């Protein structure tokens, strides 16, 4: 994950100069959502359902970003297949981690 930061990728600048009055609310909600996802991953780790080396925070970030992207595609195109694909991949990844112990 740090490799993108070290490369100084311009993706972090996408939000520069765009004052959005809803940004603080969205940020708060995404932070809460990520916390809930990370908590769920930790619970799965404690139950032995996924390997303990999995980073709950990284998984939460990936899930959140994937869902947000999928939702944006739905809103833009009316097509749900992108959102379904990301959800399927995330769940398959988690299931696969259970068998990789």
N, C-alpha and C. Protein backbone atom coordinates (compact mmCIF):
# COMPACT_ATOMS: atom_id res chain seq x y z
N UNK A 1 0.83 -1.18 0.00
CA UNK A 1 0.00 0.00 0.00
C UNK A 1 0.87 1.24 0.00
N UNK A 2 1.94 1.25 0.78
CA UNK A 2 2.80 2.40 0.85
C UNK A 2 3.49 2.72 -0.47
N UNK A 3 3.58 1.74 -1.37
CA UNK A 3 4.27 1.96 -2.64
C UNK A 3 3.62 3.09 -3.44
N UNK A 4 2.32 3.25 -3.33
CA UNK A 4 1.64 4.32 -4.06
C UNK A 4 1.96 5.67 -3.46
N UNK A 5 2.09 5.71 -2.16
CA UNK A 5 2.46 6.96 -1.50
C UNK A 5 3.90 7.33 -1.83
N UNK A 6 4.79 6.33 -1.82
CA UNK A 6 6.21 6.59 -2.12
C UNK A 6 6.39 7.05 -3.55
N UNK A 7 5.56 6.56 -4.45
CA UNK A 7 5.67 6.94 -5.86
C UNK A 7 5.11 8.34 -6.11
N UNK A 8 4.55 8.94 -5.09
CA UNK A 8 3.95 10.28 -5.19
C UNK A 8 2.91 10.33 -6.32
N UNK A 9 2.11 9.29 -6.35
CA UNK A 9 1.06 9.21 -7.37
C UNK A 9 0.12 10.39 -7.25
N UNK A 10 -0.25 10.99 -8.35
CA UNK A 10 -1.12 12.18 -8.32
C UNK A 10 -2.55 11.88 -7.91
N UNK A 11 -2.88 10.62 -7.66
CA UNK A 11 -4.26 10.28 -7.31
C UNK A 11 -4.70 10.99 -6.03
N UNK A 12 -3.78 11.23 -5.13
CA UNK A 12 -4.12 11.93 -3.90
C UNK A 12 -4.51 13.38 -4.12
N UNK A 13 -4.21 13.90 -5.28
CA UNK A 13 -4.53 15.28 -5.59
C UNK A 13 -5.89 15.43 -6.28
N UNK A 14 -6.59 14.34 -6.46
CA UNK A 14 -7.88 14.41 -7.15
C UNK A 14 -8.87 15.30 -6.43
N UNK A 15 -8.74 15.40 -5.13
CA UNK A 15 -9.70 16.15 -4.33
C UNK A 15 -9.30 17.61 -4.13
N UNK A 16 -8.10 17.99 -4.56
CA UNK A 16 -7.63 19.35 -4.37
C UNK A 16 -8.50 20.33 -5.13
N UNK A 17 -8.82 21.41 -4.46
CA UNK A 17 -9.57 22.48 -5.10
C UNK A 17 -11.05 22.21 -5.26
N UNK A 18 -11.54 21.14 -4.71
CA UNK A 18 -12.95 20.80 -4.81
C UNK A 18 -13.60 20.89 -3.43
N UNK A 19 -14.14 22.04 -3.14
CA UNK A 19 -14.81 22.21 -1.85
C UNK A 19 -16.22 21.65 -1.96
N UNK A 20 -16.48 20.63 -1.20
CA UNK A 20 -17.78 19.98 -1.23
C UNK A 20 -18.37 20.08 0.17
N UNK A 21 -19.52 20.73 0.31
CA UNK A 21 -20.09 20.89 1.65
C UNK A 21 -20.45 19.57 2.33
N UNK A 22 -20.62 18.53 1.56
CA UNK A 22 -20.97 17.23 2.14
C UNK A 22 -19.74 16.38 2.46
N UNK A 23 -18.56 16.87 2.10
CA UNK A 23 -17.34 16.07 2.25
C UNK A 23 -17.10 15.64 3.70
N UNK A 24 -17.33 16.52 4.66
CA UNK A 24 -17.10 16.16 6.06
C UNK A 24 -18.04 15.05 6.50
N UNK A 25 -19.29 15.13 6.07
CA UNK A 25 -20.27 14.09 6.42
C UNK A 25 -19.88 12.77 5.79
N UNK A 26 -19.51 12.81 4.52
CA UNK A 26 -19.13 11.59 3.82
C UNK A 26 -17.89 10.98 4.47
N UNK A 27 -16.91 11.81 4.81
CA UNK A 27 -15.70 11.33 5.46
C UNK A 27 -16.02 10.66 6.79
N UNK A 28 -16.89 11.29 7.56
CA UNK A 28 -17.28 10.71 8.85
C UNK A 28 -17.97 9.37 8.66
N UNK A 29 -18.89 9.30 7.72
CA UNK A 29 -19.61 8.05 7.48
C UNK A 29 -18.69 6.95 6.96
N UNK A 30 -17.77 7.30 6.06
CA UNK A 30 -16.84 6.29 5.54
C UNK A 30 -15.90 5.80 6.64
N UNK A 31 -15.50 6.70 7.53
CA UNK A 31 -14.65 6.30 8.65
C UNK A 31 -15.39 5.32 9.56
N UNK A 32 -16.65 5.63 9.84
CA UNK A 32 -17.46 4.73 10.67
C UNK A 32 -17.65 3.38 9.98
N UNK A 33 -17.96 3.43 8.70
CA UNK A 33 -18.19 2.22 7.92
C UNK A 33 -16.94 1.35 7.91
N UNK A 34 -15.77 1.97 7.68
CA UNK A 34 -14.52 1.23 7.68
C UNK A 34 -14.26 0.60 9.04
N UNK A 35 -14.60 1.32 10.08
CA UNK A 35 -14.44 0.78 11.44
C UNK A 35 -15.28 -0.46 11.66
N UNK A 36 -16.50 -0.43 11.15
CA UNK A 36 -17.39 -1.58 11.30
C UNK A 36 -16.88 -2.78 10.49
N UNK A 37 -16.39 -2.52 9.29
CA UNK A 37 -15.86 -3.61 8.46
C UNK A 37 -14.62 -4.21 9.12
N UNK A 38 -13.71 -3.36 9.59
CA UNK A 38 -12.51 -3.85 10.27
C UNK A 38 -12.87 -4.66 11.51
N UNK A 39 -13.86 -4.20 12.24
CA UNK A 39 -14.33 -4.93 13.42
C UNK A 39 -14.85 -6.31 13.03
N UNK A 40 -15.58 -6.39 11.94
CA UNK A 40 -16.09 -7.67 11.46
C UNK A 40 -14.97 -8.61 11.06
N UNK A 41 -13.93 -8.07 10.42
CA UNK A 41 -12.79 -8.89 10.05
C UNK A 41 -12.09 -9.42 11.31
N UNK A 42 -11.94 -8.56 12.32
CA UNK A 42 -11.32 -9.01 13.57
C UNK A 42 -12.15 -10.13 14.21
N UNK A 43 -13.46 -9.99 14.17
CA UNK A 43 -14.33 -11.03 14.74
C UNK A 43 -14.16 -12.34 13.97
N UNK A 44 -14.03 -12.25 12.65
CA UNK A 44 -13.80 -13.46 11.85
C UNK A 44 -12.45 -14.07 12.18
N UNK A 45 -11.44 -13.22 12.45
CA UNK A 45 -10.13 -13.74 12.84
C UNK A 45 -10.22 -14.47 14.18
N UNK A 46 -10.90 -13.85 15.13
CA UNK A 46 -11.04 -14.46 16.46
C UNK A 46 -11.79 -15.80 16.39
N UNK A 47 -12.71 -15.90 15.45
CA UNK A 47 -13.47 -17.14 15.28
C UNK A 47 -12.72 -18.16 14.42
N UNK A 48 -11.54 -17.78 13.93
CA UNK A 48 -10.76 -18.69 13.10
C UNK A 48 -11.28 -18.81 11.68
N UNK A 49 -12.07 -17.85 11.23
CA UNK A 49 -12.65 -17.92 9.90
C UNK A 49 -11.75 -17.35 8.81
N UNK A 50 -10.84 -16.46 9.19
CA UNK A 50 -9.85 -15.93 8.26
C UNK A 50 -8.51 -15.88 8.99
N UNK A 51 -7.44 -15.89 8.22
CA UNK A 51 -6.12 -15.96 8.85
C UNK A 51 -5.81 -14.71 9.66
N UNK A 52 -5.07 -14.86 10.73
CA UNK A 52 -4.78 -13.76 11.63
C UNK A 52 -3.84 -12.71 11.04
N UNK A 53 -3.14 -13.03 9.97
CA UNK A 53 -2.22 -12.07 9.37
C UNK A 53 -2.91 -11.05 8.47
N UNK A 54 -4.16 -11.27 8.16
CA UNK A 54 -4.93 -10.33 7.35
C UNK A 54 -5.06 -9.01 8.10
N UNK A 55 -4.81 -7.90 7.43
CA UNK A 55 -4.95 -6.58 8.05
C UNK A 55 -6.42 -6.15 7.97
N UNK A 56 -7.09 -6.05 9.12
CA UNK A 56 -8.50 -5.62 9.11
C UNK A 56 -8.67 -4.23 8.50
N UNK A 57 -7.71 -3.33 8.76
CA UNK A 57 -7.82 -1.97 8.23
C UNK A 57 -7.64 -1.94 6.72
N UNK A 58 -6.71 -2.74 6.20
CA UNK A 58 -6.49 -2.79 4.76
C UNK A 58 -7.71 -3.41 4.06
N UNK A 59 -8.25 -4.47 4.64
CA UNK A 59 -9.44 -5.09 4.06
C UNK A 59 -10.60 -4.11 4.08
N UNK A 60 -10.77 -3.39 5.18
CA UNK A 60 -11.85 -2.41 5.28
C UNK A 60 -11.70 -1.31 4.23
N UNK A 61 -10.47 -0.85 4.03
CA UNK A 61 -10.23 0.18 3.02
C UNK A 61 -10.56 -0.33 1.62
N UNK A 62 -10.14 -1.56 1.33
CA UNK A 62 -10.40 -2.14 0.01
C UNK A 62 -11.89 -2.36 -0.22
N UNK A 63 -12.57 -2.87 0.79
CA UNK A 63 -14.01 -3.11 0.66
C UNK A 63 -14.74 -1.77 0.46
N UNK A 64 -14.40 -0.80 1.28
CA UNK A 64 -15.05 0.50 1.16
C UNK A 64 -14.83 1.14 -0.20
N UNK A 65 -13.59 1.10 -0.67
CA UNK A 65 -13.29 1.69 -1.98
C UNK A 65 -14.00 0.93 -3.10
N UNK A 66 -14.00 -0.39 -3.00
CA UNK A 66 -14.67 -1.18 -4.03
C UNK A 66 -16.16 -0.93 -4.10
N UNK A 67 -16.77 -0.86 -2.95
CA UNK A 67 -18.21 -0.61 -2.92
C UNK A 67 -18.52 0.81 -3.41
N UNK A 68 -17.73 1.77 -2.97
CA UNK A 68 -17.96 3.14 -3.43
C UNK A 68 -17.83 3.24 -4.94
N UNK A 69 -16.81 2.59 -5.50
CA UNK A 69 -16.65 2.58 -6.95
C UNK A 69 -17.81 1.90 -7.65
N UNK A 70 -18.23 0.77 -7.09
CA UNK A 70 -19.36 0.05 -7.68
C UNK A 70 -20.65 0.86 -7.64
N UNK A 71 -20.86 1.54 -6.53
CA UNK A 71 -22.05 2.39 -6.40
C UNK A 71 -22.00 3.54 -7.39
N UNK A 72 -20.82 4.12 -7.58
CA UNK A 72 -20.69 5.22 -8.55
C UNK A 72 -21.03 4.75 -9.96
N UNK A 73 -20.59 3.54 -10.30
CA UNK A 73 -20.92 2.99 -11.62
C UNK A 73 -22.43 2.78 -11.74
N UNK A 74 -23.05 2.26 -10.68
CA UNK A 74 -24.51 2.08 -10.69
C UNK A 74 -25.20 3.41 -10.91
N UNK A 75 -24.76 4.43 -10.19
CA UNK A 75 -25.38 5.75 -10.30
C UNK A 75 -25.17 6.35 -11.69
N UNK A 76 -24.01 6.08 -12.30
CA UNK A 76 -23.70 6.66 -13.60
C UNK A 76 -24.35 5.91 -14.76
N UNK A 77 -24.44 4.59 -14.62
CA UNK A 77 -24.88 3.78 -15.77
C UNK A 77 -26.18 3.02 -15.54
N UNK A 78 -26.55 2.89 -14.27
CA UNK A 78 -27.72 2.08 -13.96
C UNK A 78 -27.42 0.59 -13.94
N UNK A 79 -26.17 0.23 -14.18
CA UNK A 79 -25.77 -1.18 -14.21
C UNK A 79 -25.22 -1.58 -12.85
N UNK A 80 -25.64 -2.72 -12.36
CA UNK A 80 -25.23 -3.18 -11.04
C UNK A 80 -24.12 -4.23 -11.10
N UNK A 81 -23.75 -4.68 -12.29
CA UNK A 81 -22.80 -5.78 -12.40
C UNK A 81 -21.42 -5.44 -11.83
N UNK A 82 -20.99 -4.20 -11.88
CA UNK A 82 -19.69 -3.83 -11.30
C UNK A 82 -19.72 -3.95 -9.78
N UNK A 83 -20.80 -3.51 -9.17
CA UNK A 83 -20.94 -3.63 -7.72
C UNK A 83 -21.01 -5.10 -7.31
N UNK A 84 -21.78 -5.89 -8.06
CA UNK A 84 -21.86 -7.32 -7.77
C UNK A 84 -20.49 -7.97 -7.89
N UNK A 85 -19.71 -7.57 -8.89
CA UNK A 85 -18.39 -8.17 -9.10
C UNK A 85 -17.46 -7.88 -7.93
N UNK A 86 -17.45 -6.64 -7.46
CA UNK A 86 -16.55 -6.32 -6.35
C UNK A 86 -16.98 -7.05 -5.08
N UNK A 87 -18.27 -7.15 -4.84
CA UNK A 87 -18.74 -7.87 -3.65
C UNK A 87 -18.38 -9.36 -3.75
N UNK A 88 -18.57 -9.95 -4.92
CA UNK A 88 -18.21 -11.36 -5.11
C UNK A 88 -16.71 -11.57 -4.89
N UNK A 89 -15.88 -10.69 -5.44
CA UNK A 89 -14.43 -10.84 -5.30
C UNK A 89 -13.98 -10.71 -3.85
N UNK A 90 -14.55 -9.74 -3.14
CA UNK A 90 -14.18 -9.54 -1.73
C UNK A 90 -14.58 -10.77 -0.91
N UNK A 91 -15.79 -11.24 -1.11
CA UNK A 91 -16.24 -12.41 -0.35
C UNK A 91 -15.44 -13.65 -0.71
N UNK A 92 -15.13 -13.83 -2.00
CA UNK A 92 -14.30 -14.96 -2.42
C UNK A 92 -12.91 -14.86 -1.80
N UNK A 93 -12.38 -13.65 -1.75
CA UNK A 93 -11.06 -13.44 -1.16
C UNK A 93 -11.08 -13.82 0.32
N UNK A 94 -12.07 -13.37 1.03
CA UNK A 94 -12.18 -13.70 2.46
C UNK A 94 -12.34 -15.20 2.65
N UNK A 95 -13.17 -15.82 1.84
CA UNK A 95 -13.36 -17.27 1.95
C UNK A 95 -12.06 -18.00 1.65
N UNK A 96 -11.32 -17.53 0.66
CA UNK A 96 -10.04 -18.14 0.32
C UNK A 96 -9.02 -18.00 1.43
N UNK A 97 -9.10 -16.90 2.14
CA UNK A 97 -8.16 -16.71 3.25
C UNK A 97 -8.43 -17.70 4.37
N UNK A 98 -9.66 -18.15 4.46
CA UNK A 98 -9.99 -19.13 5.50
C UNK A 98 -9.29 -20.45 5.22
N UNK A 99 -9.08 -20.73 3.96
CA UNK A 99 -8.47 -22.02 3.59
C UNK A 99 -6.96 -21.92 3.40
N UNK A 100 -6.40 -20.73 3.60
CA UNK A 100 -4.97 -20.53 3.38
C UNK A 100 -4.17 -20.59 4.66
N UNK A 101 -4.79 -21.01 5.75
CA UNK A 101 -4.09 -21.02 7.05
C UNK A 101 -2.93 -21.98 7.05
